[in-house]
Amino acid sequence: MFLYHRYDHDLNNSPQRVLREGLNHRTATRWYSRGAKFFPELTEQFRPVNSPKWIDFKVAFGADLEPFEKPYFRFPVFSEKILVFNFEISSDLFAHLEDLYDGGKGHIIDGVPSKEELMKEYWKSMIPLSEYLNYTPFKDPEVYIFEQVPAELIEFME
């Protein structure tokens, strides 16, 4: 099985750099907005006590289970440090960000649970990639990789 990472032409990171250095939070595209990064203080506040220390969203970056439009990077699943979260919860968390930019009027988040409740649910949705592929508890996966993808595993698909 392969994972896919979108290439963003607008970044200063060239495909050659990724193919030379590997894929990590410094070489990854910023295309992926992930729910855990929207409200970092809440992410840490509601972090499960028994969660592994390697779950560090400061070094995490996103991937997809299916290819997007070319160009993109492709690499095999290489680690157990790949987790999946429910993207629908991230969308609701993002609505709270949009509400802040809209002046906090509440129109955007009318009927949406609080940030705190959403963050609790976000953590509850966490599942290792291998389990997600066998069980698929939600349809819209948000994939996080918590360690560098070695350069020798990466292909650039143009």
C-alpha atoms as a PDB file:
ATOM      1  CA  MET A   1       0.000   0.000   0.000  1.00  0.00           C
ATOM      2  CA  PHE A   2       1.126   3.520  -0.810  1.00  0.00           C
ATOM      3  CA  LEU A   3       0.540   6.904   0.791  1.00  0.00           C
ATOM      4  CA  TYR A   4       0.504  10.118  -1.194  1.00  0.00           C
ATOM      5  CA  HIS A   5       1.643  13.646  -0.431  1.00  0.00           C
ATOM      6  CA  ARG A   6       0.659  16.567  -2.649  1.00  0.00           C
ATOM      7  CA  TYR A   7       3.372  18.675  -4.200  1.00  0.00           C
ATOM      8  CA  ASP A   8       2.763  22.424  -3.946  1.00  0.00           C
ATOM      9  CA  HIS A   9       4.395  24.450  -6.737  1.00  0.00           C
ATOM     10  CA  ASP A  10       4.177  27.606  -4.632  1.00  0.00           C
ATOM     11  CA  LEU A  11       6.629  26.383  -2.017  1.00  0.00           C
ATOM     12  CA  ASN A  12      10.352  26.884  -2.071  1.00  0.00           C
ATOM     13  CA  ASN A  13      10.815  23.147  -1.532  1.00  0.00           C
ATOM     14  CA  SER A  14      11.772  21.486  -4.771  1.00  0.00           C
ATOM     15  CA  PRO A  15      10.959  17.858  -5.552  1.00  0.00           C
ATOM     16  CA  GLN A  16      14.712  17.280  -5.701  1.00  0.00           C
ATOM     17  CA  ARG A  17      15.054  18.426  -2.084  1.00  0.00           C
ATOM     18  CA  VAL A  18      12.377  15.983  -0.924  1.00  0.00           C
ATOM     19  CA  LEU A  19      13.942  13.172  -2.959  1.00  0.00           C
ATOM     20  CA  ARG A  20      17.340  14.015  -1.429  1.00  0.00           C
ATOM     21  CA  GLU A  21      16.362  14.750   2.202  1.00  0.00           C
ATOM     22  CA  GLY A  22      13.127  12.826   2.670  1.00  0.00           C
ATOM     23  CA  LEU A  23       9.691  14.056   3.620  1.00  0.00           C
ATOM     24  CA  ASN A  24       9.274  15.724   6.999  1.00  0.00           C
ATOM     25  CA  HIS A  25       7.537  18.745   8.499  1.00  0.00           C
ATOM     26  CA  ARG A  26      10.126  21.061   6.907  1.00  0.00           C
ATOM     27  CA  THR A  27       9.931  19.623   3.389  1.00  0.00           C
ATOM     28  CA  ALA A  28       6.193  18.820   3.410  1.00  0.00           C
ATOM     29  CA  THR A  29       3.691  21.013   1.620  1.00  0.00           C
ATOM     30  CA  ARG A  30       1.541  23.335   3.693  1.00  0.00           C
ATOM     31  CA  TRP A  31      -1.495  22.203   1.682  1.00  0.00           C
ATOM     32  CA  TYR A  32      -2.659  20.001   4.539  1.00  0.00           C
ATOM     33  CA  SER A  33      -4.481  21.836   7.288  1.00  0.00           C
ATOM     34  CA  ARG A  34      -5.038  19.473  10.149  1.00  0.00           C
ATOM     35  CA  GLY A  35      -7.446  19.777  13.062  1.00  0.00           C
ATOM     36  CA  ALA A  36      -4.859  19.194  15.756  1.00  0.00           C
ATOM     37  CA  LYS A  37      -3.012  22.326  14.658  1.00  0.00           C
ATOM     38  CA  PHE A  38      -6.012  24.693  14.679  1.00  0.00           C
ATOM     39  CA  PHE A  39      -6.125  25.091  18.468  1.00  0.00           C
ATOM     40  CA  PRO A  40      -2.813  23.669  19.763  1.00  0.00           C
ATOM     41  CA  GLU A  41      -3.561  24.573  23.385  1.00  0.00           C
ATOM     42  CA  LEU A  42      -6.771  22.515  23.279  1.00  0.00           C
ATOM     43  CA  THR A  43      -5.009  19.689  21.469  1.00  0.00           C
ATOM     44  CA  GLU A  44      -2.590  19.398  24.380  1.00  0.00           C
ATOM     45  CA  GLN A  45      -5.221  20.015  27.048  1.00  0.00           C
ATOM     46  CA  PHE A  46      -7.347  17.083  25.861  1.00  0.00           C
ATOM     47  CA  ARG A  47      -4.498  14.799  24.854  1.00  0.00           C
ATOM     48  CA  PRO A  48      -5.122  11.332  26.294  1.00  0.00           C
ATOM     49  CA  VAL A  49      -2.855  10.630  29.252  1.00  0.00           C
ATOM     50  CA  ASN A  50      -1.772   7.276  27.850  1.00  0.00           C
ATOM     51  CA  SER A  51      -0.950   8.525  24.327  1.00  0.00           C
ATOM     52  CA  PRO A  52       2.585   7.778  23.085  1.00  0.00           C
ATOM     53  CA  LYS A  53       5.146  10.560  23.433  1.00  0.00           C
ATOM     54  CA  TRP A  54       5.989  10.337  19.712  1.00  0.00           C
ATOM     55  CA  ILE A  55       2.621  11.920  18.911  1.00  0.00           C
ATOM     56  CA  ASP A  56       3.966  15.423  18.368  1.00  0.00           C
ATOM     57  CA  PHE A  57       1.934  17.585  16.016  1.00  0.00           C
ATOM     58  CA  LYS A  58       4.816  20.047  15.677  1.00  0.00           C
ATOM     59  CA  VAL A  59       6.669  17.462  13.578  1.00  0.00           C
ATOM     60  CA  ALA A  60       3.658  15.767  11.999  1.00  0.00           C
ATOM     61  CA  PHE A  61       2.604  16.273   8.389  1.00  0.00           C
ATOM     62  CA  GLY A  62      -0.259  15.081   6.264  1.00  0.00           C
ATOM     63  CA  ALA A  63      -0.732  12.445   3.604  1.00  0.00           C
ATOM     64  CA  ASP A  64      -3.549  10.955   1.583  1.00  0.00           C
ATOM     65  CA  LEU A  65      -4.697   7.377   1.107  1.00  0.00           C
ATOM     66  CA  GLU A  66      -5.430   8.025  -2.567  1.00  0.00           C
ATOM     67  CA  PRO A  67      -3.489  10.064  -5.112  1.00  0.00           C
ATOM     68  CA  PHE A  68      -4.553  13.623  -5.763  1.00  0.00           C
ATOM     69  CA  GLU A  69      -3.878  15.291  -9.083  1.00  0.00           C
ATOM     70  CA  LYS A  70      -0.276  15.120 -10.241  1.00  0.00           C
ATOM     71  CA  PRO A  71       2.345  16.008  -9.292  1.00  0.00           C
ATOM     72  CA  TYR A  72       2.600  14.234  -5.962  1.00  0.00           C
ATOM     73  CA  PHE A  73       4.972  12.134  -3.913  1.00  0.00           C
ATOM     74  CA  ARG A  74       4.256   8.450  -3.423  1.00  0.00           C
ATOM     75  CA  PHE A  75       5.776   6.171  -0.817  1.00  0.00           C
ATOM     76  CA  PRO A  76       4.913   2.868   0.860  1.00  0.00           C
ATOM     77  CA  VAL A  77       3.522   2.620   4.359  1.00  0.00           C
ATOM     78  CA  PHE A  78       6.792   2.329   6.251  1.00  0.00           C
ATOM     79  CA  SER A  79       5.993   2.902   9.915  1.00  0.00           C
ATOM     80  CA  GLU A  80       3.516   2.339  12.721  1.00  0.00           C
ATOM     81  CA  LYS A  81       3.792   6.045  13.556  1.00  0.00           C
ATOM     82  CA  ILE A  82       1.022   6.936  11.131  1.00  0.00           C
ATOM     83  CA  LEU A  83      -2.331   7.840  12.649  1.00  0.00           C
ATOM     84  CA  VAL A  84      -5.742   8.607  11.227  1.00  0.00           C
ATOM     85  CA  PHE A  85      -8.264  11.069  12.649  1.00  0.00           C
ATOM     86  CA  ASN A  86     -11.797  11.924  11.561  1.00  0.00           C
ATOM     87  CA  PHE A  87     -11.614  14.772   9.037  1.00  0.00           C
ATOM     88  CA  GLU A  88     -15.251  15.744   9.631  1.00  0.00           C
ATOM     89  CA  ILE A  89     -14.297  16.786  13.165  1.00  0.00           C
ATOM     90  CA  SER A  90     -11.448  18.877  11.717  1.00  0.00           C
ATOM     91  CA  SER A  91     -13.957  20.603   9.455  1.00  0.00           C
ATOM     92  CA  ASP A  92     -16.057  21.548  12.458  1.00  0.00           C
ATOM     93  CA  LEU A  93     -12.950  22.782  14.288  1.00  0.00           C
ATOM     94  CA  PHE A  94     -12.092  24.856  11.231  1.00  0.00           C
ATOM     95  CA  ALA A  95     -15.554  26.423  11.414  1.00  0.00           C
ATOM     96  CA  HIS A  96     -14.530  27.790  14.817  1.00  0.00           C
ATOM     97  CA  LEU A  97     -11.452  29.371  13.193  1.00  0.00           C
ATOM     98  CA  GLU A  98     -13.609  30.895  10.487  1.00  0.00           C
ATOM     99  CA  ASP A  99     -15.906  32.265  13.174  1.00  0.00           C
ATOM    100  CA  LEU A 100     -12.946  34.035  14.796  1.00  0.00           C
ATOM    101  CA  TYR A 101     -12.069  35.645  11.459  1.00  0.00           C
ATOM    102  CA  ASP A 102     -15.705  36.604  10.999  1.00  0.00           C
ATOM    103  CA  GLY A 103     -15.630  38.584  14.214  1.00  0.00           C
ATOM    104  CA  GLY A 104     -16.953  35.820  16.466  1.00  0.00           C
ATOM    105  CA  LYS A 105     -20.570  36.459  15.560  1.00  0.00           C
ATOM    106  CA  GLY A 106     -21.435  32.764  15.779  1.00  0.00           C
ATOM    107  CA  HIS A 107     -23.219  32.510  12.423  1.00  0.00           C
ATOM    108  CA  ILE A 108     -20.688  30.012  11.077  1.00  0.00           C
ATOM    109  CA  ILE A 109     -20.739  27.753  14.133  1.00  0.00           C
ATOM    110  CA  ASP A 110     -24.463  27.789  14.809  1.00  0.00           C
ATOM    111  CA  GLY A 111     -25.258  24.185  15.772  1.00  0.00           C
ATOM    112  CA  VAL A 112     -21.604  23.115  15.845  1.00  0.00           C
ATOM    113  CA  PRO A 113     -20.337  21.644  19.142  1.00  0.00           C
ATOM    114  CA  SER A 114     -17.845  23.656  21.174  1.00  0.00           C
ATOM    115  CA  LYS A 115     -14.123  23.552  20.348  1.00  0.00           C
ATOM    116  CA  GLU A 116     -13.560  21.643  23.571  1.00  0.00           C
ATOM    117  CA  GLU A 117     -16.138  18.959  22.762  1.00  0.00           C
ATOM    118  CA  LEU A 118     -14.818  18.663  19.229  1.00  0.00           C
ATOM    119  CA  MET A 119     -11.242  18.248  20.445  1.00  0.00           C
ATOM    120  CA  LYS A 120     -12.312  15.468  22.802  1.00  0.00           C
ATOM    121  CA  GLU A 121     -14.045  13.746  19.885  1.00  0.00           C
ATOM    122  CA  TYR A 122     -11.043  14.352  17.667  1.00  0.00           C
ATOM    123  CA  TRP A 123      -8.776  12.483  20.066  1.00  0.00           C
ATOM    124  CA  LYS A 124     -11.358   9.689  20.386  1.00  0.00           C
ATOM    125  CA  SER A 125     -11.300   9.273  16.602  1.00  0.00           C
ATOM    126  CA  MET A 126      -7.531   8.574  16.604  1.00  0.00           C
ATOM    127  CA  ILE A 127      -6.688   5.178  15.162  1.00  0.00           C
ATOM    128  CA  PRO A 128      -3.486   3.639  13.759  1.00  0.00           C
ATOM    129  CA  LEU A 129      -3.463   3.493   9.962  1.00  0.00           C
ATOM    130  CA  SER A 130      -3.309  -0.312   9.945  1.00  0.00           C
ATOM    131  CA  GLU A 131      -6.481  -0.532  12.042  1.00  0.00           C
ATOM    132  CA  TYR A 132      -8.236   2.154  10.012  1.00  0.00           C
ATOM    133  CA  LEU A 133      -7.643   0.177   6.817  1.00  0.00           C
ATOM    134  CA  ASN A 134      -9.192  -2.929   8.381  1.00  0.00           C
ATOM    135  CA  TYR A 135     -12.043  -1.266  10.225  1.00  0.00           C
ATOM    136  CA  THR A 136     -12.737   2.137   8.535  1.00  0.00           C
ATOM    137  CA  PRO A 137     -14.790   3.718  11.368  1.00  0.00           C
ATOM    138  CA  PHE A 138     -15.342   6.975   9.406  1.00  0.00           C
ATOM    139  CA  LYS A 139     -15.301   7.852   5.726  1.00  0.00           C
ATOM    140  CA  ASP A 140     -13.109  10.969   5.641  1.00  0.00           C
ATOM    141  CA  PRO A 141      -9.627  10.140   6.978  1.00  0.00           C
ATOM    142  CA  GLU A 142      -7.128  12.747   8.095  1.00  0.00           C
ATOM    143  CA  VAL A 143      -3.731  11.044   7.949  1.00  0.00           C
ATOM    144  CA  TYR A 144      -0.796  12.251  10.036  1.00  0.00           C
ATOM    145  CA  ILE A 145       2.753  10.944   9.738  1.00  0.00           C
ATOM    146  CA  PHE A 146       4.852  11.431  12.874  1.00  0.00           C
ATOM    147  CA  GLU A 147       8.310  10.664  11.537  1.00  0.00           C
ATOM    148  CA  GLN A 148      10.385  11.386   8.469  1.00  0.00           C
ATOM    149  CA  VAL A 149       9.774   9.388   5.312  1.00  0.00           C
ATOM    150  CA  PRO A 150      13.209   8.215   4.153  1.00  0.00           C
ATOM    151  CA  ALA A 151      14.222   9.686   0.799  1.00  0.00           C
ATOM    152  CA  GLU A 152      14.900   6.281  -0.740  1.00  0.00           C
ATOM    153  CA  LEU A 153      11.214   5.310  -0.335  1.00  0.00           C
ATOM    154  CA  ILE A 154       9.826   8.364  -2.139  1.00  0.00           C
ATOM    155  CA  GLU A 155       8.849   8.612  -5.797  1.00  0.00           C
ATOM    156  CA  PHE A 156       7.861  11.857  -7.475  1.00  0.00           C
ATOM    157  CA  MET A 157       4.922  11.325  -9.803  1.00  0.00           C
ATOM    158  CA  GLU A 158       4.622  14.013 -12.487  1.00  0.00           C
END
